[in-house]
PDB file of N, CA and C in Angstrom:
ATOM      1  N   MET A   1     232.126 151.688 186.496  1.00  0.00           N
ATOM      2  CA  MET A   1     232.439 152.736 185.813  1.00  0.00           C
ATOM      3  C   MET A   1     231.742 154.120 186.244  1.00  0.00           C
ATOM      4  N   ILE A   2     230.740 154.120 187.084  1.00  0.00           N
ATOM      5  CA  ILE A   2     229.867 155.334 187.484  1.00  0.00           C
ATOM      6  C   ILE A   2     230.726 156.114 188.048  1.00  0.00           C
ATOM      7  N   ALA A   3     231.968 155.505 188.846  1.00  0.00           N
ATOM      8  CA  ALA A   3     232.400 156.250 189.833  1.00  0.00           C
ATOM      9  C   ALA A   3     233.902 156.284 189.414  1.00  0.00           C
ATOM     10  N   LEU A   4     234.161 156.156 187.690  1.00  0.00           N
ATOM     11  CA  LEU A   4     235.437 156.989 187.092  1.00  0.00           C
ATOM     12  C   LEU A   4     234.281 158.251 186.977  1.00  0.00           C
ATOM     13  N   ILE A   5     233.231 158.134 186.480  1.00  0.00           N
ATOM     14  CA  ILE A   5     232.324 159.451 185.447  1.00  0.00           C
ATOM     15  C   ILE A   5     232.714 160.146 186.253  1.00  0.00           C
ATOM     16  N   HIS A   6     231.964 159.982 187.772  1.00  0.00           N
ATOM     17  CA  HIS A   6     232.008 160.684 188.924  1.00  0.00           C
ATOM     18  C   HIS A   6     232.997 161.261 189.202  1.00  0.00           C
ATOM     19  N   HIS A   7     234.576 160.118 189.613  1.00  0.00           N
ATOM     20  CA  HIS A   7     235.746 161.267 189.539  1.00  0.00           C
ATOM     21  C   HIS A   7     236.690 161.877 188.647  1.00  0.00           C
ATOM     22  N   ALA A   8     235.989 161.699 187.250  1.00  0.00           N
ATOM     23  CA  ALA A   8     235.970 162.903 185.431  1.00  0.00           C
ATOM     24  C   ALA A   8     235.310 164.096 186.207  1.00  0.00           C
ATOM     25  N   VAL A   9     234.313 164.070 186.671  1.00  0.00           N
ATOM     26  CA  VAL A   9     233.318 165.371 187.129  1.00  0.00           C
ATOM     27  C   VAL A   9     234.424 166.277 188.143  1.00  0.00           C
ATOM     28  N   ASP A  10     234.237 165.392 189.551  1.00  0.00           N
ATOM     29  CA  ASP A  10     234.592 165.860 190.577  1.00  0.00           C
ATOM     30  C   ASP A  10     236.382 166.545 190.141  1.00  0.00           C
ATOM     31  N   SER A  11     237.101 166.207 189.188  1.00  0.00           N
ATOM     32  CA  SER A  11     238.084 166.480 188.260  1.00  0.00           C
ATOM     33  C   SER A  11     238.154 167.446 187.620  1.00  0.00           C
ATOM     34  N   SER A  12     237.535 168.293 187.400  1.00  0.00           N
ATOM     35  CA  SER A  12     236.862 169.457 186.891  1.00  0.00           C
ATOM     36  C   SER A  12     236.218 169.137 185.261  1.00  0.00           C
ATOM     37  N   ILE A  13     236.530 167.824 184.860  1.00  0.00           N
ATOM     38  CA  ILE A  13     235.945 167.741 183.673  1.00  0.00           C
ATOM     39  C   ILE A  13     234.307 168.601 183.670  1.00  0.00           C
ATOM     40  N   THR A  14     234.212 169.241 182.322  1.00  0.00           N
ATOM     41  CA  THR A  14     233.516 169.546 182.040  1.00  0.00           C
ATOM     42  C   THR A  14     232.334 169.037 180.885  1.00  0.00           C
ATOM     43  N   PHE A  15     233.259 168.746 179.592  1.00  0.00           N
ATOM     44  CA  PHE A  15     232.356 167.725 178.534  1.00  0.00           C
ATOM     45  C   PHE A  15     232.327 166.677 178.540  1.00  0.00           C
ATOM     46  N   LEU A  16     230.980 165.991 178.531  1.00  0.00           N
ATOM     47  CA  LEU A  16     231.003 164.654 178.063  1.00  0.00           C
ATOM     48  C   LEU A  16     230.304 163.773 176.887  1.00  0.00           C
ATOM     49  N   ASP A  17     231.587 163.354 176.175  1.00  0.00           N
ATOM     50  CA  ASP A  17     230.750 163.389 174.611  1.00  0.00           C
ATOM     51  C   ASP A  17     230.388 161.672 174.619  1.00  0.00           C
ATOM     52  N   THR A  18     229.154 161.076 174.499  1.00  0.00           N
ATOM     53  CA  THR A  18     228.694 159.751 174.098  1.00  0.00           C
ATOM     54  C   THR A  18     228.283 159.709 172.545  1.00  0.00           C
ATOM     55  N   SER A  19     227.384 158.270 172.491  1.00  0.00           N
ATOM     56  CA  SER A  19     226.799 158.349 171.234  1.00  0.00           C
ATOM     57  C   SER A  19     225.651 156.757 171.400  1.00  0.00           C
ATOM     58  N   ASN A  20     224.790 157.023 170.761  1.00  0.00           N
ATOM     59  CA  ASN A  20     224.015 156.008 171.150  1.00  0.00           C
ATOM     60  C   ASN A  20     224.552 154.228 170.308  1.00  0.00           C
ATOM     61  N   VAL A  21     225.571 153.986 169.971  1.00  0.00           N
ATOM     62  CA  VAL A  21     226.079 153.270 169.599  1.00  0.00           C
ATOM     63  C   VAL A  21     227.217 152.529 170.528  1.00  0.00           C
ATOM     64  N   TYR A  22     227.879 153.115 171.411  1.00  0.00           N
ATOM     65  CA  TYR A  22     228.432 153.030 172.871  1.00  0.00           C
ATOM     66  C   TYR A  22     227.728 152.054 173.392  1.00  0.00           C
ATOM     67  N   GLY A  23     227.716 150.687 173.644  1.00  0.00           N
ATOM     68  CA  GLY A  23     227.496 149.702 174.241  1.00  0.00           C
ATOM     69  C   GLY A  23     227.107 148.710 173.496  1.00  0.00           C
ATOM     70  N   PRO A  24     225.867 149.114 172.968  1.00  0.00           N
ATOM     71  CA  PRO A  24     225.149 149.849 172.229  1.00  0.00           C
ATOM     72  C   PRO A  24     224.568 150.379 173.311  1.00  0.00           C
ATOM     73  N   HIS A  25     224.024 151.830 173.836  1.00  0.00           N
ATOM     74  CA  HIS A  25     223.262 152.620 174.884  1.00  0.00           C
ATOM     75  C   HIS A  25     223.453 152.165 176.301  1.00  0.00           C
ATOM     76  N   THR A  26     224.531 151.805 176.432  1.00  0.00           N
ATOM     77  CA  THR A  26     224.609 151.962 177.941  1.00  0.00           C
ATOM     78  C   THR A  26     225.510 152.760 178.312  1.00  0.00           C
ATOM     79  N   ASN A  27     226.439 153.439 177.231  1.00  0.00           N
ATOM     80  CA  ASN A  27     226.833 154.611 177.932  1.00  0.00           C
ATOM     81  C   ASN A  27     226.338 156.257 177.972  1.00  0.00           C
ATOM     82  N   GLU A  28     225.179 155.484 177.421  1.00  0.00           N
ATOM     83  CA  GLU A  28     224.343 156.899 177.199  1.00  0.00           C
ATOM     84  C   GLU A  28     223.337 156.787 179.076  1.00  0.00           C
ATOM     85  N   ILE A  29     223.518 155.939 179.238  1.00  0.00           N
ATOM     86  CA  ILE A  29     222.739 155.051 180.711  1.00  0.00           C
ATOM     87  C   ILE A  29     223.750 155.899 181.618  1.00  0.00           C
ATOM     88  N   LEU A  30     224.547 155.745 181.627  1.00  0.00           N
ATOM     89  CA  LEU A  30     225.668 155.895 182.763  1.00  0.00           C
ATOM     90  C   LEU A  30     226.158 156.663 182.744  1.00  0.00           C
ATOM     91  N   LEU A  31     226.099 157.909 181.746  1.00  0.00           N
ATOM     92  CA  LEU A  31     225.988 159.796 181.666  1.00  0.00           C
ATOM     93  C   LEU A  31     225.113 160.235 182.430  1.00  0.00           C
ATOM     94  N   ARG A  32     223.578 159.622 182.537  1.00  0.00           N
ATOM     95  CA  ARG A  32     222.307 160.206 183.196  1.00  0.00           C
ATOM     96  C   ARG A  32     222.377 160.030 184.253  1.00  0.00           C
ATOM     97  N   LYS A  33     223.496 158.826 185.194  1.00  0.00           N
ATOM     98  CA  LYS A  33     223.753 159.510 186.246  1.00  0.00           C
ATOM     99  C   LYS A  33     224.130 159.946 187.512  1.00  0.00           C
ATOM    100  N   GLY A  34     223.261 161.179 187.592  1.00  0.00           N
ATOM    101  CA  GLY A  34     223.286 162.163 188.749  1.00  0.00           C
ATOM    102  C   GLY A  34     224.315 163.620 188.184  1.00  0.00           C
ATOM    103  N   ILE A  35     225.016 163.557 187.632  1.00  0.00           N
ATOM    104  CA  ILE A  35     225.651 164.166 186.940  1.00  0.00           C
ATOM    105  C   ILE A  35     225.653 165.540 185.992  1.00  0.00           C
ATOM    106  N   ARG A  36     224.423 165.537 185.038  1.00  0.00           N
ATOM    107  CA  ARG A  36     224.185 166.594 184.259  1.00  0.00           C
ATOM    108  C   ARG A  36     224.164 167.860 184.378  1.00  0.00           C
ATOM    109  N   ASP A  37     223.508 168.179 185.574  1.00  0.00           N
ATOM    110  CA  ASP A  37     223.380 169.695 185.440  1.00  0.00           C
ATOM    111  C   ASP A  37     224.891 170.218 185.889  1.00  0.00           C
ATOM    112  N   ARG A  38     226.480 169.068 186.080  1.00  0.00           N
ATOM    113  CA  ARG A  38     227.169 169.904 186.521  1.00  0.00           C
ATOM    114  C   ARG A  38     228.447 169.573 184.728  1.00  0.00           C
ATOM    115  N   VAL A  39     227.737 169.413 183.870  1.00  0.00           N
ATOM    116  CA  VAL A  39     228.290 169.179 182.699  1.00  0.00           C
ATOM    117  C   VAL A  39     227.977 169.140 181.464  1.00  0.00           C
ATOM    118  N   GLN A  40     228.517 169.622 180.755  1.00  0.00           N
ATOM    119  CA  GLN A  40     227.778 169.611 179.062  1.00  0.00           C
ATOM    120  C   GLN A  40     228.083 168.495 178.055  1.00  0.00           C
ATOM    121  N   LEU A  41     226.954 167.965 177.562  1.00  0.00           N
ATOM    122  CA  LEU A  41     226.541 166.569 177.284  1.00  0.00           C
ATOM    123  C   LEU A  41     226.857 166.611 175.520  1.00  0.00           C
ATOM    124  N   ALA A  42     227.136 165.874 175.021  1.00  0.00           N
ATOM    125  CA  ALA A  42     227.417 165.807 173.740  1.00  0.00           C
ATOM    126  C   ALA A  42     227.032 164.238 173.768  1.00  0.00           C
ATOM    127  N   THR A  43     226.322 163.950 172.104  1.00  0.00           N
ATOM    128  CA  THR A  43     225.919 162.952 171.433  1.00  0.00           C
ATOM    129  C   THR A  43     225.870 162.979 170.580  1.00  0.00           C
ATOM    130  N   LYS A  44     225.709 161.467 169.595  1.00  0.00           N
ATOM    131  CA  LYS A  44     225.946 161.506 168.230  1.00  0.00           C
ATOM    132  C   LYS A  44     224.628 160.958 167.964  1.00  0.00           C
ATOM    133  N   PHE A  45     224.290 161.060 166.616  1.00  0.00           N
ATOM    134  CA  PHE A  45     223.274 160.040 165.835  1.00  0.00           C
ATOM    135  C   PHE A  45     224.435 159.725 165.168  1.00  0.00           C
ATOM    136  N   GLY A  46     223.316 158.714 164.025  1.00  0.00           N
ATOM    137  CA  GLY A  46     223.972 157.893 162.327  1.00  0.00           C
ATOM    138  C   GLY A  46     224.122 156.989 161.951  1.00  0.00           C
ATOM    139  N   ALA A  47     224.344 155.980 163.177  1.00  0.00           N
ATOM    140  CA  ALA A  47     224.785 155.096 163.379  1.00  0.00           C
ATOM    141  C   ALA A  47     224.043 153.865 164.438  1.00  0.00           C
ATOM    142  N   TYR A  48     223.494 152.637 163.705  1.00  0.00           N
ATOM    143  CA  TYR A  48     223.347 152.063 165.385  1.00  0.00           C
ATOM    144  C   TYR A  48     223.624 150.063 164.533  1.00  0.00           C
ATOM    145  N   PHE A  49     223.017 149.503 165.340  1.00  0.00           N
ATOM    146  CA  PHE A  49     223.978 148.216 165.232  1.00  0.00           C
ATOM    147  C   PHE A  49     222.287 147.454 165.138  1.00  0.00           C
ATOM    148  N   GLU A  50     222.603 146.185 163.925  1.00  0.00           N
ATOM    149  CA  GLU A  50     221.274 145.807 164.086  1.00  0.00           C
ATOM    150  C   GLU A  50     221.796 144.126 163.037  1.00  0.00           C
ATOM    151  N   GLY A  51     221.758 143.656 163.920  1.00  0.00           N
ATOM    152  CA  GLY A  51     222.227 142.300 163.200  1.00  0.00           C
ATOM    153  C   GLY A  51     223.585 141.529 163.699  1.00  0.00           C
ATOM    154  N   GLY A  52     224.078 142.154 164.801  1.00  0.00           N
ATOM    155  CA  GLY A  52     225.653 141.786 164.694  1.00  0.00           C
ATOM    156  C   GLY A  52     226.599 143.331 164.008  1.00  0.00           C
ATOM    157  N   LYS A  53     226.001 143.540 162.867  1.00  0.00           N
ATOM    158  CA  LYS A  53     226.660 144.445 162.029  1.00  0.00           C
ATOM    159  C   LYS A  53     226.261 146.131 162.472  1.00  0.00           C
ATOM    160  N   MET A  54     226.791 146.928 162.314  1.00  0.00           N
ATOM    161  CA  MET A  54     226.972 148.498 162.269  1.00  0.00           C
ATOM    162  C   MET A  54     226.361 148.808 161.219  1.00  0.00           C
ATOM    163  N   HIS A  55     225.217 149.712 161.023  1.00  0.00           N
ATOM    164  CA  HIS A  55     224.726 150.624 160.267  1.00  0.00           C
ATOM    165  C   HIS A  55     224.561 152.115 159.600  1.00  0.00           C
ATOM    166  N   ILE A  56     225.325 152.308 159.010  1.00  0.00           N
ATOM    167  CA  ILE A  56     225.108 154.296 158.791  1.00  0.00           C
ATOM    168  C   ILE A  56     223.354 154.262 158.055  1.00  0.00           C
ATOM    169  N   CYS A  57     222.703 155.915 158.748  1.00  0.00           N
ATOM    170  CA  CYS A  57     221.339 156.127 158.063  1.00  0.00           C
ATOM    171  C   CYS A  57     221.672 157.513 158.922  1.00  0.00           C
ATOM    172  N   GLY A  58     221.440 158.044 157.717  1.00  0.00           N
ATOM    173  CA  GLY A  58     221.037 159.705 157.373  1.00  0.00           C
ATOM    174  C   GLY A  58     219.357 160.275 157.545  1.00  0.00           C
ATOM    175  N   ASP A  59     218.646 159.128 157.343  1.00  0.00           N
ATOM    176  CA  ASP A  59     217.329 159.618 156.714  1.00  0.00           C
ATOM    177  C   ASP A  59     217.004 160.644 157.849  1.00  0.00           C
ATOM    178  N   PRO A  60     216.606 161.810 157.632  1.00  0.00           N
ATOM    179  CA  PRO A  60     215.570 161.998 159.066  1.00  0.00           C
ATOM    180  C   PRO A  60     214.229 161.327 159.476  1.00  0.00           C
ATOM    181  N   THR A  61     213.978 160.831 159.403  1.00  0.00           N
ATOM    182  CA  THR A  61     212.827 160.027 160.324  1.00  0.00           C
ATOM    183  C   THR A  61     213.884 158.886 161.716  1.00  0.00           C
ATOM    184  N   TYR A  62     215.181 158.932 160.992  1.00  0.00           N
ATOM    185  CA  TYR A  62     215.957 157.774 161.966  1.00  0.00           C
ATOM    186  C   TYR A  62     216.710 159.216 163.044  1.00  0.00           C
ATOM    187  N   VAL A  63     216.688 159.974 161.958  1.00  0.00           N
ATOM    188  CA  VAL A  63     217.236 161.324 163.352  1.00  0.00           C
ATOM    189  C   VAL A  63     216.620 161.542 164.550  1.00  0.00           C
ATOM    190  N   ARG A  64     215.638 162.028 164.255  1.00  0.00           N
ATOM    191  CA  ARG A  64     214.471 162.542 164.753  1.00  0.00           C
ATOM    192  C   ARG A  64     214.349 161.191 165.837  1.00  0.00           C
ATOM    193  N   ALA A  65     214.202 159.836 165.761  1.00  0.00           N
ATOM    194  CA  ALA A  65     213.906 158.703 166.583  1.00  0.00           C
ATOM    195  C   ALA A  65     214.985 158.965 167.428  1.00  0.00           C
ATOM    196  N   ALA A  66     216.485 159.157 166.903  1.00  0.00           N
ATOM    197  CA  ALA A  66     217.336 159.037 167.226  1.00  0.00           C
ATOM    198  C   ALA A  66     217.855 160.116 168.794  1.00  0.00           C
ATOM    199  N   CYS A  67     217.498 160.662 168.341  1.00  0.00           N
ATOM    200  CA  CYS A  67     217.360 162.191 169.375  1.00  0.00           C
ATOM    201  C   CYS A  67     216.499 162.126 170.795  1.00  0.00           C
ATOM    202  N   GLU A  68     215.287 161.190 170.412  1.00  0.00           N
ATOM    203  CA  GLU A  68     214.715 160.862 171.007  1.00  0.00           C
ATOM    204  C   GLU A  68     214.759 160.009 171.777  1.00  0.00           C
ATOM    205  N   GLY A  69     215.665 158.536 171.180  1.00  0.00           N
ATOM    206  CA  GLY A  69     215.994 157.649 171.887  1.00  0.00           C
ATOM    207  C   GLY A  69     217.060 158.208 172.970  1.00  0.00           C
ATOM    208  N   SER A  70     217.944 159.079 172.616  1.00  0.00           N
ATOM    209  CA  SER A  70     218.766 159.389 173.324  1.00  0.00           C
ATOM    210  C   SER A  70     218.292 160.258 174.935  1.00  0.00           C
ATOM    211  N   LEU A  71     217.580 161.805 174.062  1.00  0.00           N
ATOM    212  CA  LEU A  71     216.705 162.269 175.067  1.00  0.00           C
ATOM    213  C   LEU A  71     216.346 161.106 176.313  1.00  0.00           C
ATOM    214  N   LYS A  72     216.036 160.250 176.274  1.00  0.00           N
ATOM    215  CA  LYS A  72     214.852 159.039 177.118  1.00  0.00           C
ATOM    216  C   LYS A  72     216.362 158.497 177.700  1.00  0.00           C
ATOM    217  N   LEU A  73     217.167 158.016 177.105  1.00  0.00           N
ATOM    218  CA  LEU A  73     218.352 157.093 178.087  1.00  0.00           C
ATOM    219  C   LEU A  73     219.092 158.175 178.624  1.00  0.00           C
ATOM    220  N   LEU A  74     219.591 159.096 178.150  1.00  0.00           N
ATOM    221  CA  LEU A  74     220.246 159.920 179.387  1.00  0.00           C
ATOM    222  C   LEU A  74     219.189 160.500 180.410  1.00  0.00           C
ATOM    223  N   ASP A  75     217.833 160.607 179.829  1.00  0.00           N
ATOM    224  CA  ASP A  75     216.823 161.084 180.922  1.00  0.00           C
ATOM    225  C   ASP A  75     217.349 162.854 181.075  1.00  0.00           C
ATOM    226  N   VAL A  76     217.341 163.687 180.213  1.00  0.00           N
ATOM    227  CA  VAL A  76     217.433 165.089 179.786  1.00  0.00           C
ATOM    228  C   VAL A  76     216.316 165.524 179.248  1.00  0.00           C
ATOM    229  N   GLU A  77     215.909 166.779 179.194  1.00  0.00           N
ATOM    230  CA  GLU A  77     215.478 167.481 177.982  1.00  0.00           C
ATOM    231  C   GLU A  77     216.096 168.177 177.361  1.00  0.00           C
ATOM    232  N   CYS A  78     217.431 168.198 177.030  1.00  0.00           N
ATOM    233  CA  CYS A  78     217.819 168.679 176.165  1.00  0.00           C
ATOM    234  C   CYS A  78     219.334 168.084 176.245  1.00  0.00           C
ATOM    235  N   ILE A  79     219.979 168.071 174.734  1.00  0.00           N
ATOM    236  CA  ILE A  79     221.444 167.803 174.527  1.00  0.00           C
ATOM    237  C   ILE A  79     221.940 169.124 173.955  1.00  0.00           C
ATOM    238  N   ASP A  80     223.421 169.293 175.085  1.00  0.00           N
ATOM    239  CA  ASP A  80     223.716 170.505 174.658  1.00  0.00           C
ATOM    240  C   ASP A  80     224.883 170.340 173.242  1.00  0.00           C
ATOM    241  N   LEU A  81     225.152 169.367 172.614  1.00  0.00           N
ATOM    242  CA  LEU A  81     225.547 169.380 171.199  1.00  0.00           C
ATOM    243  C   LEU A  81     225.121 167.818 170.980  1.00  0.00           C
ATOM    244  N   TYR A  82     224.897 167.738 169.674  1.00  0.00           N
ATOM    245  CA  TYR A  82     223.573 166.511 169.132  1.00  0.00           C
ATOM    246  C   TYR A  82     224.269 166.687 167.784  1.00  0.00           C
ATOM    247  N   TYR A  83     225.413 165.875 167.564  1.00  0.00           N
ATOM    248  CA  TYR A  83     225.955 165.565 165.749  1.00  0.00           C
ATOM    249  C   TYR A  83     226.178 164.255 165.444  1.00  0.00           C
ATOM    250  N   GLN A  84     226.159 164.517 164.022  1.00  0.00           N
ATOM    251  CA  GLN A  84     226.181 163.017 163.098  1.00  0.00           C
ATOM    252  C   GLN A  84     227.516 162.407 163.309  1.00  0.00           C
ATOM    253  N   HIS A  85     227.461 161.067 164.052  1.00  0.00           N
ATOM    254  CA  HIS A  85     228.835 159.906 164.166  1.00  0.00           C
ATOM    255  C   HIS A  85     229.177 159.648 162.611  1.00  0.00           C
ATOM    256  N   LYS A  86     228.727 159.463 161.805  1.00  0.00           N
ATOM    257  CA  LYS A  86     228.907 159.063 160.648  1.00  0.00           C
ATOM    258  C   LYS A  86     228.147 159.136 159.792  1.00  0.00           C
ATOM    259  N   ILE A  87     228.767 159.717 158.050  1.00  0.00           N
ATOM    260  CA  ILE A  87     227.472 160.271 157.163  1.00  0.00           C
ATOM    261  C   ILE A  87     227.662 159.181 156.619  1.00  0.00           C
ATOM    262  N   ASP A  88     225.839 159.299 156.148  1.00  0.00           N
ATOM    263  CA  ASP A  88     225.333 158.300 155.451  1.00  0.00           C
ATOM    264  C   ASP A  88     225.485 158.902 153.708  1.00  0.00           C
ATOM    265  N   THR A  89     226.050 158.629 153.299  1.00  0.00           N
ATOM    266  CA  THR A  89     227.176 158.801 151.660  1.00  0.00           C
ATOM    267  C   THR A  89     225.321 158.807 150.778  1.00  0.00           C
ATOM    268  N   LEU A  90     224.659 158.000 151.201  1.00  0.00           N
ATOM    269  CA  LEU A  90     223.175 157.827 150.297  1.00  0.00           C
ATOM    270  C   LEU A  90     222.492 158.969 150.664  1.00  0.00           C
ATOM    271  N   VAL A  91     222.398 159.544 151.649  1.00  0.00           N
ATOM    272  CA  VAL A  91     221.238 161.022 152.168  1.00  0.00           C
ATOM    273  C   VAL A  91     222.466 162.238 152.227  1.00  0.00           C
ATOM    274  N   PRO A  92     221.794 162.700 151.217  1.00  0.00           N
ATOM    275  CA  PRO A  92     222.288 164.279 151.032  1.00  0.00           C
ATOM    276  C   PRO A  92     222.028 164.911 152.709  1.00  0.00           C
ATOM    277  N   ILE A  93     223.033 165.836 152.589  1.00  0.00           N
ATOM    278  CA  ILE A  93     223.394 165.777 154.169  1.00  0.00           C
ATOM    279  C   ILE A  93     222.087 167.398 154.827  1.00  0.00           C
ATOM    280  N   GLU A  94     222.043 167.755 153.731  1.00  0.00           N
ATOM    281  CA  GLU A  94     220.700 168.707 153.757  1.00  0.00           C
ATOM    282  C   GLU A  94     219.368 167.730 154.259  1.00  0.00           C
ATOM    283  N   VAL A  95     219.043 167.097 153.227  1.00  0.00           N
ATOM    284  CA  VAL A  95     218.032 166.112 153.508  1.00  0.00           C
ATOM    285  C   VAL A  95     218.211 165.675 155.185  1.00  0.00           C
ATOM    286  N   THR A  96     219.233 164.911 155.597  1.00  0.00           N
ATOM    287  CA  THR A  96     219.697 164.538 156.807  1.00  0.00           C
ATOM    288  C   THR A  96     219.232 165.591 157.740  1.00  0.00           C
ATOM    289  N   LEU A  97     219.551 166.648 157.831  1.00  0.00           N
ATOM    290  CA  LEU A  97     219.688 167.885 158.915  1.00  0.00           C
ATOM    291  C   LEU A  97     218.206 168.548 158.345  1.00  0.00           C
ATOM    292  N   GLU A  98     217.873 168.405 157.481  1.00  0.00           N
ATOM    293  CA  GLU A  98     216.522 169.037 157.121  1.00  0.00           C
ATOM    294  C   GLU A  98     216.390 170.688 157.220  1.00  0.00           C
ATOM    295  N   TRP A  99     217.765 171.247 157.009  1.00  0.00           N
ATOM    296  CA  TRP A  99     218.144 172.295 156.911  1.00  0.00           C
ATOM    297  C   TRP A  99     218.234 173.129 155.108  1.00  0.00           C
ATOM    298  N   SER A 100     217.137 174.170 155.237  1.00  0.00           N
ATOM    299  CA  SER A 100     218.003 174.847 154.319  1.00  0.00           C
ATOM    300  C   SER A 100     218.008 175.834 153.464  1.00  0.00           C
ATOM    301  N   LEU A 101     218.665 176.577 153.190  1.00  0.00           N
ATOM    302  CA  LEU A 101     218.584 178.050 152.409  1.00  0.00           C
ATOM    303  C   LEU A 101     217.776 178.563 152.632  1.00  0.00           C
ATOM    304  N   TRP A 102     216.146 177.712 151.532  1.00  0.00           N
ATOM    305  CA  TRP A 102     215.085 178.441 152.021  1.00  0.00           C
ATOM    306  C   TRP A 102     214.497 178.732 152.868  1.00  0.00           C
ATOM    307  N   SER A 103     213.913 178.042 153.240  1.00  0.00           N
ATOM    308  CA  SER A 103     213.553 177.521 154.944  1.00  0.00           C
ATOM    309  C   SER A 103     214.450 177.567 155.683  1.00  0.00           C
ATOM    310  N   ARG A 104     214.224 178.452 156.770  1.00  0.00           N
ATOM    311  CA  ARG A 104     215.176 178.752 158.909  1.00  0.00           C
ATOM    312  C   ARG A 104     213.895 177.655 159.627  1.00  0.00           C
ATOM    313  N   ASP A 105     212.747 177.190 159.246  1.00  0.00           N
ATOM    314  CA  ASP A 105     211.795 176.634 160.050  1.00  0.00           C
ATOM    315  C   ASP A 105     212.998 175.536 161.076  1.00  0.00           C
ATOM    316  N   VAL A 106     213.767 174.794 160.391  1.00  0.00           N
ATOM    317  CA  VAL A 106     214.238 174.163 161.898  1.00  0.00           C
ATOM    318  C   VAL A 106     215.077 175.019 162.557  1.00  0.00           C
ATOM    319  N   GLU A 107     215.360 176.126 162.649  1.00  0.00           N
ATOM    320  CA  GLU A 107     215.964 176.614 163.814  1.00  0.00           C
ATOM    321  C   GLU A 107     214.587 177.383 165.011  1.00  0.00           C
ATOM    322  N   GLU A 108     213.903 177.045 164.493  1.00  0.00           N
ATOM    323  CA  GLU A 108     212.348 177.263 165.643  1.00  0.00           C
ATOM    324  C   GLU A 108     212.357 175.949 165.634  1.00  0.00           C
ATOM    325  N   GLU A 109     211.601 174.906 164.862  1.00  0.00           N
ATOM    326  CA  GLU A 109     211.490 173.596 165.483  1.00  0.00           C
ATOM    327  C   GLU A 109     212.224 172.084 166.216  1.00  0.00           C
ATOM    328  N   ILE A 110     213.206 172.397 165.969  1.00  0.00           N
ATOM    329  CA  ILE A 110     214.832 171.348 165.744  1.00  0.00           C
ATOM    330  C   ILE A 110     215.224 171.589 166.594  1.00  0.00           C
ATOM    331  N   ILE A 111     215.902 172.482 166.245  1.00  0.00           N
ATOM    332  CA  ILE A 111     217.247 173.204 166.559  1.00  0.00           C
ATOM    333  C   ILE A 111     216.350 173.554 168.443  1.00  0.00           C
ATOM    334  N   LEU A 112     215.818 174.224 168.863  1.00  0.00           N
ATOM    335  CA  LEU A 112     215.218 174.423 170.144  1.00  0.00           C
ATOM    336  C   LEU A 112     214.894 173.397 170.976  1.00  0.00           C
ATOM    337  N   THR A 113     215.227 171.878 170.550  1.00  0.00           N
ATOM    338  CA  THR A 113     215.013 170.873 170.824  1.00  0.00           C
ATOM    339  C   THR A 113     216.351 170.391 171.787  1.00  0.00           C
ATOM    340  N   CYS A 114     217.205 170.722 171.203  1.00  0.00           N
ATOM    341  CA  CYS A 114     218.813 170.472 171.946  1.00  0.00           C
ATOM    342  C   CYS A 114     219.343 171.637 172.152  1.00  0.00           C
ATOM    343  N   ARG A 115     218.610 172.752 172.702  1.00  0.00           N
ATOM    344  CA  ARG A 115     219.468 174.027 173.566  1.00  0.00           C
ATOM    345  C   ARG A 115     218.783 173.612 174.892  1.00  0.00           C
TER     346      ARG A 115
END
C-alpha cells in the first residue's frame, strides 16, 4: 500500500484525502510515511467505530480529540483540510464547529491549528 501511495505522488498526485475511520486509523498511519512535504493532506472527523458499529458524533469535545488524534497518527503539525465526514443530526453544526456570528474566536484559536 505504501508503494502505491508513493507511486501516486510520483505521478503528480498532490491531494490525498483520508479519515480516522478508514482502517480504522491505518489509512492515516500509512499517509504519514514520508510524503507530507509533497502533498496537500485532508482528513475527516464525525464518525468512529466502537463495538463493531459506526457511531456519528459532532460534539465539540470529540471533534477536538479527533483532530488531535489525526495530527498524531499523521505525524504532522497541521492538516490542510479538516472536515466533517458524517453530520450528527443531534448536534447543531454551529455547536460542532464552535463557530458563531457573534464571536470570531474560532478564527484565532482553532483554524490556526489546521493551517
